Amino acid sequence: MGAPAPGAGRTGAARRLLRPARARSLLPPRPRACTVERLGRDLARVIEATCPTGPVVLVGHSMGGMSVMSFAGAHPDVVRDRVLAVALVSTSPGGHEVTEFGLGPLAGRVVGTVGPGLLTRLSRHAGPIGLLRKMGKGVQDLAVARWAFDSPVSPGLVDLVAEMIFATPFDVMAAFLPDIDALDLIPSLGALTGVEVLVMNGAGDLITPPSHSVEIVRHVPGAEHVVVEDAGHILMLEHPDLVTEQLLALVRRAQRAVAEGVPVGSKPRVRRTVQDISKKRRASRARREAAS
């Protein structure tokens, strides 16, 4: 996946399966295959092939979260019988705001309208685009830092995210945009009733702002909503320790609910705003060391 999974070594005997989305594929895109509904079907096949029995925990970030919601809507029986817990991180149930890219309704709609055609044309000039990226690396890094993060991060992390983004062919991005623009996963959320659900997002997320998470939580009884301050869209890389602790706490809550026979849907919805204290301490220590 290009980076160690946060919390590696702290998941006990559990098996972690990391599945790259279809959007990361190097195969030429087929527009009919580039849909969130298809990603949900992919997830169903992955689960059946790799862990056909026993409880599973589903964690999805951004389009991965959309894939999980789509899967849940299409397979409510599997969710009811096998899914122990679900984490939806920096994601959305759909709508025009997802393709506005944090630019606001007017500029965002312009980008959403011309974007697919522009990206398709750019895909035919991968070589020159790669050269321009190298020549304009400073601009690229500023753009990635703005839309991916909301706190200072290392140059290496910015480079990693930039490579992840630009490793996705432009024509693949173009093929997905219309589907995401018209997406409505609200009807799928009912399948998560009775499942321990964690919804996380960064307070400074420009791609899927907190209002998207609020909409998810509104339709999932008992869901826990955690808003992380000083965090953007790539939450799990910006604050890996905090995200890992929240995921482990989610699994513990789910296991406890099963052991005690507590109906998850009967719990009140909880919203918490948290800070990554460990990151602030590391930054403070680095400043002190630099000054000494």
Foldseek 3Di string as FASTA:
>chain_A
DLDDAQPPPPPPPDDDDDDDFPLLDPDDDDLVCQALLNLLVVVVVVCCVPPVDAADEEEAAASGLSSVLSVLLVCLVCCVPHYLEYEYELYFQFAQQLQLLLVDDPNSVVCLVCVLVVLVVVLVVLPVVVVVCVVPVVVQLVVQCQQFFQADDDPVVSVSVSCSVPSRRSNSVSSNSVNRNPGGSLSSLLSCAQHAYEYEYECNESNRHPVRSVSSLVSHALYEYEYEYRTYRNRCVVQVVVVVVVVVVSSVVSVVCVVVVPRSNVHHYHYYYDYRVVVVVVVVVVVVVVVD
